[in-house]
Amino acid sequence: VFDPTGIESVKRDAINGNNVYYDLRSNRLDAPKKGL
């Protein structure tokens, strides 16, 4: 079996207690967007 997303690990980051969102290309997002 394998993870079809190809993501092996994820580092969680928070700024001032707020969640930080990323797309699959490691781009930081202001808010979640449609998709993964």
Full PDB file with SEQRES, HELIX, SHEET, SSBOND, CRYST1, ORIGX, SCALE, CONECT and MASTER records, all heavy atoms in Angstrom:
SEQRES   1 A   36  VAL PHE ASP PRO THR GLY ILE GLU SER VAL LYS ARG ASP          
SEQRES   2 A   36  ALA ILE ASN GLY ASN ASN VAL TYR TYR ASP LEU ARG SER          
SEQRES   3 A   36  ASN ARG LEU ASP ALA PRO LYS LYS GLY LEU                      
SHEET    1 AA1 2 ALA A  14  ILE A  15  0                                        
SHEET    2 AA1 2 ASN A  18  ASN A  19 -1                                        
SHEET    1 AA2 2 TYR A  21  TYR A  22  0                                        
SHEET    2 AA2 2 ARG A  28  LEU A  29 -1                                        
CRYST1    1.000    1.000    1.000  90.00  90.00  90.00 P 1           1          
ORIGX1      1.000000  0.000000  0.000000        0.00000                         
ORIGX2      0.000000  1.000000  0.000000        0.00000                         
ORIGX3      0.000000  0.000000  1.000000        0.00000                         
SCALE1      1.000000  0.000000  0.000000        0.00000                         
SCALE2      0.000000  1.000000  0.000000        0.00000                         
SCALE3      0.000000  0.000000  1.000000        0.00000                         
ATOM      1  N   VAL A   1       0.838  -1.192   0.000  1.00  0.00           N  
ATOM      2  CA  VAL A   1       0.000   0.000   0.000  1.00  0.00           C  
ATOM      3  C   VAL A   1       0.876   1.246   0.000  1.00  0.00           C  
ATOM      4  O   VAL A   1       2.050   1.195   0.358  1.00  0.00           O  
ATOM      5  CB  VAL A   1      -0.955   0.018   1.219  1.00  0.00           C  
ATOM      6  CG1 VAL A   1      -1.909  -1.148   1.154  1.00  0.00           C  
ATOM      7  CG2 VAL A   1      -0.197   0.023   2.514  1.00  0.00           C  
ATOM      8  N   PHE A   2       0.297   2.363  -0.424  1.00  0.00           N  
ATOM      9  CA  PHE A   2       1.010   3.628  -0.452  1.00  0.00           C  
ATOM     10  C   PHE A   2       0.014   4.764  -0.263  1.00  0.00           C  
ATOM     11  O   PHE A   2      -1.196   4.572  -0.387  1.00  0.00           O  
ATOM     12  CB  PHE A   2       1.779   3.812  -1.765  1.00  0.00           C  
ATOM     13  CG  PHE A   2       0.870   3.979  -2.955  1.00  0.00           C  
ATOM     14  CD1 PHE A   2       0.539   5.234  -3.417  1.00  0.00           C  
ATOM     15  CD2 PHE A   2       0.352   2.873  -3.612  1.00  0.00           C  
ATOM     16  CE1 PHE A   2      -0.309   5.391  -4.519  1.00  0.00           C  
ATOM     17  CE2 PHE A   2      -0.486   3.015  -4.701  1.00  0.00           C  
ATOM     18  CZ  PHE A   2      -0.818   4.282  -5.152  1.00  0.00           C  
ATOM     19  N   ASP A   3       0.533   5.925   0.031  1.00  0.00           N  
ATOM     20  CA  ASP A   3      -0.286   7.126   0.153  1.00  0.00           C  
ATOM     21  C   ASP A   3      -0.321   7.784  -1.220  1.00  0.00           C  
ATOM     22  O   ASP A   3       0.699   8.270  -1.698  1.00  0.00           O  
ATOM     23  CB  ASP A   3       0.328   8.069   1.184  1.00  0.00           C  
ATOM     24  CG  ASP A   3      -0.490   9.312   1.411  1.00  0.00           C  
ATOM     25  OD1 ASP A   3      -1.458   9.560   0.665  1.00  0.00           O  
ATOM     26  OD2 ASP A   3      -0.159  10.045   2.346  1.00  0.00           O  
ATOM     27  N   PRO A   4      -1.481   7.803  -1.901  1.00  0.00           N  
ATOM     28  CA  PRO A   4      -1.533   8.318  -3.270  1.00  0.00           C  
ATOM     29  C   PRO A   4      -1.221   9.808  -3.387  1.00  0.00           C  
ATOM     30  O   PRO A   4      -0.951  10.300  -4.467  1.00  0.00           O  
ATOM     31  CB  PRO A   4      -2.956   8.019  -3.725  1.00  0.00           C  
ATOM     32  CG  PRO A   4      -3.736   7.856  -2.484  1.00  0.00           C  
ATOM     33  CD  PRO A   4      -2.777   7.337  -1.444  1.00  0.00           C  
ATOM     34  N   THR A   5      -1.222  10.541  -2.280  1.00  0.00           N  
ATOM     35  CA  THR A   5      -0.893  11.964  -2.352  1.00  0.00           C  
ATOM     36  C   THR A   5       0.607  12.179  -2.440  1.00  0.00           C  
ATOM     37  O   THR A   5       1.052  13.251  -2.814  1.00  0.00           O  
ATOM     38  CB  THR A   5      -1.420  12.737  -1.128  1.00  0.00           C  
ATOM     39  OG1 THR A   5      -0.747  12.270   0.040  1.00  0.00           O  
ATOM     40  CG2 THR A   5      -2.910  12.583  -0.983  1.00  0.00           C  
ATOM     41  N   GLY A   6       1.392  11.174  -2.042  1.00  0.00           N  
ATOM     42  CA  GLY A   6       2.840  11.308  -2.061  1.00  0.00           C  
ATOM     43  C   GLY A   6       3.386  12.093  -0.888  1.00  0.00           C  
ATOM     44  O   GLY A   6       4.581  12.346  -0.796  1.00  0.00           O  
ATOM     45  N   ILE A   7       2.555  12.472   0.054  1.00  0.00           N  
ATOM     46  CA  ILE A   7       3.011  13.229   1.219  1.00  0.00           C  
ATOM     47  C   ILE A   7       3.452  12.244   2.285  1.00  0.00           C  
ATOM     48  O   ILE A   7       2.698  11.380   2.707  1.00  0.00           O  
ATOM     49  CB  ILE A   7       1.885  14.135   1.762  1.00  0.00           C  
ATOM     50  CG1 ILE A   7       1.492  15.147   0.703  1.00  0.00           C  
ATOM     51  CG2 ILE A   7       2.323  14.814   3.052  1.00  0.00           C  
ATOM     52  CD1 ILE A   7       0.303  15.987   1.086  1.00  0.00           C  
ATOM     53  N   GLU A   8       4.700  12.365   2.723  1.00  0.00           N  
ATOM     54  CA  GLU A   8       5.217  11.456   3.731  1.00  0.00           C  
ATOM     55  C   GLU A   8       5.106  12.028   5.133  1.00  0.00           C  
ATOM     56  O   GLU A   8       4.915  11.299   6.092  1.00  0.00           O  
ATOM     57  CB  GLU A   8       6.664  11.106   3.418  1.00  0.00           C  
ATOM     58  CG  GLU A   8       6.773  10.314   2.118  1.00  0.00           C  
ATOM     59  CD  GLU A   8       8.183   9.948   1.791  1.00  0.00           C  
ATOM     60  OE1 GLU A   8       9.058  10.060   2.664  1.00  0.00           O  
ATOM     61  OE2 GLU A   8       8.422   9.547   0.644  1.00  0.00           O  
ATOM     62  N   SER A   9       5.256  13.316   5.280  1.00  0.00           N  
ATOM     63  CA  SER A   9       5.120  13.916   6.602  1.00  0.00           C  
ATOM     64  C   SER A   9       4.674  15.362   6.442  1.00  0.00           C  
ATOM     65  O   SER A   9       4.880  15.979   5.410  1.00  0.00           O  
ATOM     66  CB  SER A   9       6.435  13.852   7.371  1.00  0.00           C  
ATOM     67  OG  SER A   9       7.405  14.647   6.734  1.00  0.00           O  
ATOM     68  N   VAL A  10       4.084  15.864   7.492  1.00  0.00           N  
ATOM     69  CA  VAL A  10       3.570  17.223   7.474  1.00  0.00           C  
ATOM     70  C   VAL A  10       4.026  17.916   8.747  1.00  0.00           C  
ATOM     71  O   VAL A  10       3.905  17.364   9.837  1.00  0.00           O  
ATOM     72  CB  VAL A  10       2.026  17.229   7.411  1.00  0.00           C  
ATOM     73  CG1 VAL A  10       1.490  18.647   7.485  1.00  0.00           C  
ATOM     74  CG2 VAL A  10       1.552  16.539   6.150  1.00  0.00           C  
ATOM     75  N   LYS A  11       4.552  19.104   8.618  1.00  0.00           N  
ATOM     76  CA  LYS A  11       4.952  19.887   9.780  1.00  0.00           C  
ATOM     77  C   LYS A  11       3.865  20.909  10.062  1.00  0.00           C  
ATOM     78  O   LYS A  11       3.464  21.660   9.181  1.00  0.00           O  
ATOM     79  CB  LYS A  11       6.271  20.610   9.499  1.00  0.00           C  
ATOM     80  CG  LYS A  11       6.742  21.455  10.651  1.00  0.00           C  
ATOM     81  CD  LYS A  11       8.032  22.160  10.301  1.00  0.00           C  
ATOM     82  CE  LYS A  11       8.428  23.119  11.407  1.00  0.00           C  
ATOM     83  NZ  LYS A  11       9.576  23.921  11.034  1.00  0.00           N  
ATOM     84  N   ARG A  12       3.394  20.909  11.273  1.00  0.00           N  
ATOM     85  CA  ARG A  12       2.353  21.854  11.663  1.00  0.00           C  
ATOM     86  C   ARG A  12       3.009  23.143  12.119  1.00  0.00           C  
ATOM     87  O   ARG A  12       3.977  23.148  12.859  1.00  0.00           O  
ATOM     88  CB  ARG A  12       1.512  21.261  12.774  1.00  0.00           C  
ATOM     89  CG  ARG A  12       0.361  22.130  13.150  1.00  0.00           C  
ATOM     90  CD  ARG A  12      -0.489  21.414  14.148  1.00  0.00           C  
ATOM     91  NE  ARG A  12      -1.106  22.382  15.017  1.00  0.00           N  
ATOM     92  CZ  ARG A  12      -2.113  22.132  15.794  1.00  0.00           C  
ATOM     93  NH1 ARG A  12      -2.600  20.938  15.836  1.00  0.00           N  
ATOM     94  NH2 ARG A  12      -2.615  23.058  16.553  1.00  0.00           N  
ATOM     95  N   ASP A  13       2.462  24.255  11.677  1.00  0.00           N  
ATOM     96  CA  ASP A  13       2.992  25.567  11.999  1.00  0.00           C  
ATOM     97  C   ASP A  13       1.844  26.433  12.483  1.00  0.00           C  
ATOM     98  O   ASP A  13       0.740  26.343  11.970  1.00  0.00           O  
ATOM     99  CB  ASP A  13       3.627  26.176  10.741  1.00  0.00           C  
ATOM    100  CG  ASP A  13       4.418  27.430  11.018  1.00  0.00           C  
ATOM    101  OD1 ASP A  13       4.622  27.757  12.199  1.00  0.00           O  
ATOM    102  OD2 ASP A  13       4.824  28.076  10.049  1.00  0.00           O  
ATOM    103  N   ALA A  14       2.082  27.236  13.466  1.00  0.00           N  
ATOM    104  CA  ALA A  14       1.039  28.142  13.951  1.00  0.00           C  
ATOM    105  C   ALA A  14       1.675  29.487  14.267  1.00  0.00           C  
ATOM    106  O   ALA A  14       2.800  29.566  14.736  1.00  0.00           O  
ATOM    107  CB  ALA A  14       0.363  27.583  15.187  1.00  0.00           C  
ATOM    108  N   ILE A  15       0.957  30.529  13.938  1.00  0.00           N  
ATOM    109  CA  ILE A  15       1.410  31.885  14.211  1.00  0.00           C  
ATOM    110  C   ILE A  15       0.391  32.524  15.138  1.00  0.00           C  
ATOM    111  O   ILE A  15      -0.798  32.620  14.792  1.00  0.00           O  
ATOM    112  CB  ILE A  15       1.549  32.694  12.909  1.00  0.00           C  
ATOM    113  CG1 ILE A  15       2.571  32.032  11.997  1.00  0.00           C  
ATOM    114  CG2 ILE A  15       1.915  34.135  13.216  1.00  0.00           C  
ATOM    115  CD1 ILE A  15       2.675  32.668  10.645  1.00  0.00           C  
ATOM    116  N   ASN A  16       0.820  32.946  16.320  1.00  0.00           N  
ATOM    117  CA  ASN A  16      -0.073  33.590  17.288  1.00  0.00           C  
ATOM    118  C   ASN A  16      -1.318  32.758  17.570  1.00  0.00           C  
ATOM    119  O   ASN A  16      -2.412  33.274  17.715  1.00  0.00           O  
ATOM    120  CB  ASN A  16      -0.485  34.982  16.800  1.00  0.00           C  
ATOM    121  CG  ASN A  16       0.708  35.893  16.630  1.00  0.00           C  
ATOM    122  OD1 ASN A  16       1.682  35.783  17.367  1.00  0.00           O  
ATOM    123  ND2 ASN A  16       0.640  36.779  15.667  1.00  0.00           N  
ATOM    124  N   GLY A  17      -1.171  31.435  17.608  1.00  0.00           N  
ATOM    125  CA  GLY A  17      -2.297  30.565  17.915  1.00  0.00           C  
ATOM    126  C   GLY A  17      -3.230  30.299  16.742  1.00  0.00           C  
ATOM    127  O   GLY A  17      -4.179  29.551  16.870  1.00  0.00           O  
ATOM    128  N   ASN A  18      -2.998  30.921  15.592  1.00  0.00           N  
ATOM    129  CA  ASN A  18      -3.848  30.704  14.421  1.00  0.00           C  
ATOM    130  C   ASN A  18      -3.279  29.577  13.575  1.00  0.00           C  
ATOM    131  O   ASN A  18      -2.079  29.401  13.487  1.00  0.00           O  
ATOM    132  CB  ASN A  18      -3.942  31.974  13.572  1.00  0.00           C  
ATOM    133  CG  ASN A  18      -4.609  33.101  14.329  1.00  0.00           C  
ATOM    134  OD1 ASN A  18      -5.527  32.871  15.102  1.00  0.00           O  
ATOM    135  ND2 ASN A  18      -4.129  34.302  14.128  1.00  0.00           N  
ATOM    136  N   ASN A  19      -4.157  28.825  12.946  1.00  0.00           N  
ATOM    137  CA  ASN A  19      -3.692  27.761  12.061  1.00  0.00           C  
ATOM    138  C   ASN A  19      -3.122  28.355  10.787  1.00  0.00           C  
ATOM    139  O   ASN A  19      -3.541  29.412  10.339  1.00  0.00           O  
ATOM    140  CB  ASN A  19      -4.848  26.825  11.703  1.00  0.00           C  
ATOM    141  CG  ASN A  19      -5.295  26.030  12.897  1.00  0.00           C  
ATOM    142  OD1 ASN A  19      -4.481  25.569  13.676  1.00  0.00           O  
ATOM    143  ND2 ASN A  19      -6.586  25.881  13.049  1.00  0.00           N  
ATOM    144  N   VAL A  20      -2.174  27.652  10.227  1.00  0.00           N  
ATOM    145  CA  VAL A  20      -1.581  28.032   8.956  1.00  0.00           C  
ATOM    146  C   VAL A  20      -1.963  26.955   7.961  1.00  0.00           C  
ATOM    147  O   VAL A  20      -1.895  25.774   8.251  1.00  0.00           O  
ATOM    148  CB  VAL A  20      -0.049  28.154   9.080  1.00  0.00           C  
ATOM    149  CG1 VAL A  20       0.568  28.518   7.746  1.00  0.00           C  
ATOM    150  CG2 VAL A  20       0.310  29.181  10.137  1.00  0.00           C  
ATOM    151  N   TYR A  21      -2.373  27.371   6.780  1.00  0.00           N  
ATOM    152  CA  TYR A  21      -2.841  26.457   5.748  1.00  0.00           C  
ATOM    153  C   TYR A  21      -1.820  26.400   4.617  1.00  0.00           C  
ATOM    154  O   TYR A  21      -1.205  27.399   4.277  1.00  0.00           O  
ATOM    155  CB  TYR A  21      -4.181  26.928   5.191  1.00  0.00           C  
ATOM    156  CG  TYR A  21      -5.205  27.205   6.265  1.00  0.00           C  
ATOM    157  CD1 TYR A  21      -5.490  28.502   6.654  1.00  0.00           C  
ATOM    158  CD2 TYR A  21      -5.864  26.168   6.887  1.00  0.00           C  
ATOM    159  CE1 TYR A  21      -6.419  28.761   7.638  1.00  0.00           C  
ATOM    160  CE2 TYR A  21      -6.800  26.406   7.875  1.00  0.00           C  
ATOM    161  CZ  TYR A  21      -7.075  27.705   8.250  1.00  0.00           C  
ATOM    162  OH  TYR A  21      -7.992  27.961   9.218  1.00  0.00           O  
ATOM    163  N   TYR A  22      -1.670  25.202   4.028  1.00  0.00           N  
ATOM    164  CA  TYR A  22      -0.751  25.009   2.911  1.00  0.00           C  
ATOM    165  C   TYR A  22      -1.453  24.239   1.814  1.00  0.00           C  
ATOM    166  O   TYR A  22      -2.332  23.417   2.082  1.00  0.00           O  
ATOM    167  CB  TYR A  22       0.482  24.218   3.349  1.00  0.00           C  
ATOM    168  CG  TYR A  22       1.349  24.941   4.343  1.00  0.00           C  
ATOM    169  CD1 TYR A  22       1.180  24.764   5.706  1.00  0.00           C  
ATOM    170  CD2 TYR A  22       2.338  25.803   3.908  1.00  0.00           C  
ATOM    171  CE1 TYR A  22       1.976  25.426   6.617  1.00  0.00           C  
ATOM    172  CE2 TYR A  22       3.143  26.473   4.810  1.00  0.00           C  
ATOM    173  CZ  TYR A  22       2.961  26.277   6.173  1.00  0.00           C  
ATOM    174  OH  TYR A  22       3.749  26.935   7.057  1.00  0.00           O  
ATOM    175  N   ASP A  23      -1.007  24.463   0.568  1.00  0.00           N  
ATOM    176  CA  ASP A  23      -1.453  23.599  -0.514  1.00  0.00           C  
ATOM    177  C   ASP A  23      -0.414  22.492  -0.663  1.00  0.00           C  
ATOM    178  O   ASP A  23       0.545  22.426   0.102  1.00  0.00           O  
ATOM    179  CB  ASP A  23      -1.683  24.389  -1.808  1.00  0.00           C  
ATOM    180  CG  ASP A  23      -0.432  25.007  -2.394  1.00  0.00           C  
ATOM    181  OD1 ASP A  23       0.700  24.633  -1.995  1.00  0.00           O  
ATOM    182  OD2 ASP A  23      -0.574  25.877  -3.273  1.00  0.00           O  
ATOM    183  N   LEU A  24      -0.591  21.624  -1.636  1.00  0.00           N  
ATOM    184  CA  LEU A  24       0.326  20.489  -1.793  1.00  0.00           C  
ATOM    185  C   LEU A  24       1.675  20.866  -2.380  1.00  0.00           C  
ATOM    186  O   LEU A  24       2.575  20.033  -2.443  1.00  0.00           O  
ATOM    187  CB  LEU A  24      -0.331  19.399  -2.635  1.00  0.00           C  
ATOM    188  CG  LEU A  24      -1.535  18.751  -1.960  1.00  0.00           C  
ATOM    189  CD1 LEU A  24      -2.115  17.677  -2.848  1.00  0.00           C  
ATOM    190  CD2 LEU A  24      -1.174  18.203  -0.607  1.00  0.00           C  
ATOM    191  N   ARG A  25       1.829  22.103  -2.782  1.00  0.00           N  
ATOM    192  CA  ARG A  25       3.122  22.575  -3.297  1.00  0.00           C  
ATOM    193  C   ARG A  25       3.881  23.347  -2.225  1.00  0.00           C  
ATOM    194  O   ARG A  25       4.823  24.060  -2.526  1.00  0.00           O  
ATOM    195  CB  ARG A  25       2.906  23.452  -4.522  1.00  0.00           C  
ATOM    196  CG  ARG A  25       2.361  22.669  -5.688  1.00  0.00           C  
ATOM    197  CD  ARG A  25       2.278  23.526  -6.919  1.00  0.00           C  
ATOM    198  NE  ARG A  25       1.794  22.722  -8.023  1.00  0.00           N  
ATOM    199  CZ  ARG A  25       1.034  23.179  -8.971  1.00  0.00           C  
ATOM    200  NH1 ARG A  25       0.656  24.444  -8.977  1.00  0.00           N  
ATOM    201  NH2 ARG A  25       0.636  22.386  -9.942  1.00  0.00           N  
ATOM    202  N   SER A  26       3.410  23.233  -0.970  1.00  0.00           N  
ATOM    203  CA  SER A  26       4.017  23.887   0.192  1.00  0.00           C  
ATOM    204  C   SER A  26       3.844  25.400   0.183  1.00  0.00           C  
ATOM    205  O   SER A  26       4.588  26.112   0.840  1.00  0.00           O  
ATOM    206  CB  SER A  26       5.509  23.541   0.312  1.00  0.00           C  
ATOM    207  OG  SER A  26       5.672  22.160   0.462  1.00  0.00           O  
ATOM    208  N   ASN A  27       2.887  25.895  -0.575  1.00  0.00           N  
ATOM    209  CA  ASN A  27       2.597  27.325  -0.575  1.00  0.00           C  
ATOM    210  C   ASN A  27       1.670  27.632   0.594  1.00  0.00           C  
ATOM    211  O   ASN A  27       0.655  26.973   0.772  1.00  0.00           O  
ATOM    212  CB  ASN A  27       1.917  27.752  -1.882  1.00  0.00           C  
ATOM    213  CG  ASN A  27       2.811  27.527  -3.078  1.00  0.00           C  
ATOM    214  OD1 ASN A  27       3.984  27.834  -3.039  1.00  0.00           O  
ATOM    215  ND2 ASN A  27       2.246  26.972  -4.132  1.00  0.00           N  
ATOM    216  N   ARG A  28       2.020  28.641   1.390  1.00  0.00           N  
ATOM    217  CA  ARG A  28       1.181  29.052   2.503  1.00  0.00           C  
ATOM    218  C   ARG A  28      -0.055  29.760   1.958  1.00  0.00           C  
ATOM    219  O   ARG A  28       0.035  30.569   1.048  1.00  0.00           O  
ATOM    220  CB  ARG A  28       1.960  29.975   3.432  1.00  0.00           C  
ATOM    221  CG  ARG A  28       1.164  30.364   4.657  1.00  0.00           C  
ATOM    222  CD  ARG A  28       1.980  31.206   5.589  1.00  0.00           C  
ATOM    223  NE  ARG A  28       2.583  30.292   6.538  1.00  0.00           N  
ATOM    224  CZ  ARG A  28       3.520  30.625   7.388  1.00  0.00           C  
ATOM    225  NH1 ARG A  28       4.006  31.840   7.393  1.00  0.00           N  
ATOM    226  NH2 ARG A  28       4.004  29.755   8.236  1.00  0.00           N  
ATOM    227  N   LEU A  29      -1.224  29.439   2.525  1.00  0.00           N  
ATOM    228  CA  LEU A  29      -2.482  30.016   2.089  1.00  0.00           C  
ATOM    229  C   LEU A  29      -3.074  30.869   3.204  1.00  0.00           C  
ATOM    230  O   LEU A  29      -2.863  30.591   4.386  1.00  0.00           O  
ATOM    231  CB  LEU A  29      -3.481  28.906   1.743  1.00  0.00           C  
ATOM    232  CG  LEU A  29      -3.025  27.860   0.724  1.00  0.00           C  
ATOM    233  CD1 LEU A  29      -4.027  26.723   0.665  1.00  0.00           C  
ATOM    234  CD2 LEU A  29      -2.836  28.488  -0.634  1.00  0.00           C  
ATOM    235  N   ASP A  30      -3.843  31.885   2.849  1.00  0.00           N  
ATOM    236  CA  ASP A  30      -4.549  32.694   3.842  1.00  0.00           C  
ATOM    237  C   ASP A  30      -5.727  31.924   4.427  1.00  0.00           C  
ATOM    238  O   ASP A  30      -6.103  32.123   5.576  1.00  0.00           O  
ATOM    239  CB  ASP A  30      -5.053  33.999   3.225  1.00  0.00           C  
ATOM    240  CG  ASP A  30      -3.914  34.927   2.840  1.00  0.00           C  
ATOM    241  OD1 ASP A  30      -2.858  34.880   3.504  1.00  0.00           O  
ATOM    242  OD2 ASP A  30      -4.078  35.686   1.877  1.00  0.00           O  
ATOM    243  N   ALA A  31      -6.329  31.067   3.627  1.00  0.00           N  
ATOM    244  CA  ALA A  31      -7.470  30.254   4.043  1.00  0.00           C  
ATOM    245  C   ALA A  31      -7.465  28.999   3.175  1.00  0.00           C  
ATOM    246  O   ALA A  31      -6.845  28.980   2.110  1.00  0.00           O  
ATOM    247  CB  ALA A  31      -8.765  31.026   3.842  1.00  0.00           C  
ATOM    248  N   PRO A  32      -8.124  27.946   3.608  1.00  0.00           N  
ATOM    249  CA  PRO A  32      -8.183  26.740   2.779  1.00  0.00           C  
ATOM    250  C   PRO A  32      -8.834  27.036   1.430  1.00  0.00           C  
ATOM    251  O   PRO A  32      -9.697  27.897   1.329  1.00  0.00           O  
ATOM    252  CB  PRO A  32      -9.068  25.787   3.590  1.00  0.00           C  
ATOM    253  CG  PRO A  32      -9.088  26.329   4.959  1.00  0.00           C  
ATOM    254  CD  PRO A  32      -8.857  27.797   4.849  1.00  0.00           C  
ATOM    255  N   LYS A  33      -8.382  26.339   0.398  1.00  0.00           N  
ATOM    256  CA  LYS A  33      -8.982  26.503  -0.917  1.00  0.00           C  
ATOM    257  C   LYS A  33      -9.547  25.165  -1.366  1.00  0.00           C  
ATOM    258  O   LYS A  33      -9.265  24.127  -0.771  1.00  0.00           O  
ATOM    259  CB  LYS A  33      -7.964  27.028  -1.922  1.00  0.00           C  
ATOM    260  CG  LYS A  33      -6.824  26.082  -2.213  1.00  0.00           C  
ATOM    261  CD  LYS A  33      -5.897  26.648  -3.256  1.00  0.00           C  
ATOM    262  CE  LYS A  33      -4.837  25.612  -3.613  1.00  0.00           C  
ATOM    263  NZ  LYS A  33      -3.983  26.053  -4.677  1.00  0.00           N  
ATOM    264  N   LYS A  34     -10.330  25.172  -2.410  1.00  0.00           N  
ATOM    265  CA  LYS A  34     -10.953  23.961  -2.942  1.00  0.00           C  
ATOM    266  C   LYS A  34      -9.869  22.967  -3.342  1.00  0.00           C  
ATOM    267  O   LYS A  34      -8.878  23.329  -3.964  1.00  0.00           O  
ATOM    268  CB  LYS A  34     -11.827  24.318  -4.136  1.00  0.00           C  
ATOM    269  CG  LYS A  34     -12.617  23.161  -4.669  1.00  0.00           C  
ATOM    270  CD  LYS A  34     -13.551  23.613  -5.779  1.00  0.00           C  
ATOM    271  CE  LYS A  34     -14.356  22.443  -6.287  1.00  0.00           C  
ATOM    272  NZ  LYS A  34     -15.271  22.838  -7.347  1.00  0.00           N  
ATOM    273  N   GLY A  35     -10.039  21.730  -2.940  1.00  0.00           N  
ATOM    274  CA  GLY A  35      -9.076  20.687  -3.263  1.00  0.00           C  
ATOM    275  C   GLY A  35      -8.394  20.175  -2.011  1.00  0.00           C  
ATOM    276  O   GLY A  35      -8.891  20.330  -0.902  1.00  0.00           O  
ATOM    277  N   LEU A  36      -7.220  19.581  -2.166  1.00  0.00           N  
ATOM    278  CA  LEU A  36      -6.487  18.998  -1.052  1.00  0.00           C  
ATOM    279  C   LEU A  36      -5.602  20.052  -0.411  1.00  0.00           C  
ATOM    280  O   LEU A  36      -4.808  20.704  -1.084  1.00  0.00           O  
ATOM    281  CB  LEU A  36      -5.662  17.822  -1.556  1.00  0.00           C  
ATOM    282  CG  LEU A  36      -5.091  16.883  -0.521  1.00  0.00           C  
ATOM    283  CD1 LEU A  36      -6.184  16.328   0.383  1.00  0.00           C  
ATOM    284  CD2 LEU A  36      -4.381  15.737  -1.201  1.00  0.00           C  
TER     285      LEU A  36                                                      
MASTER        0    0    0    0    4    0    0    6  284    1    0    3          
END                                                                             
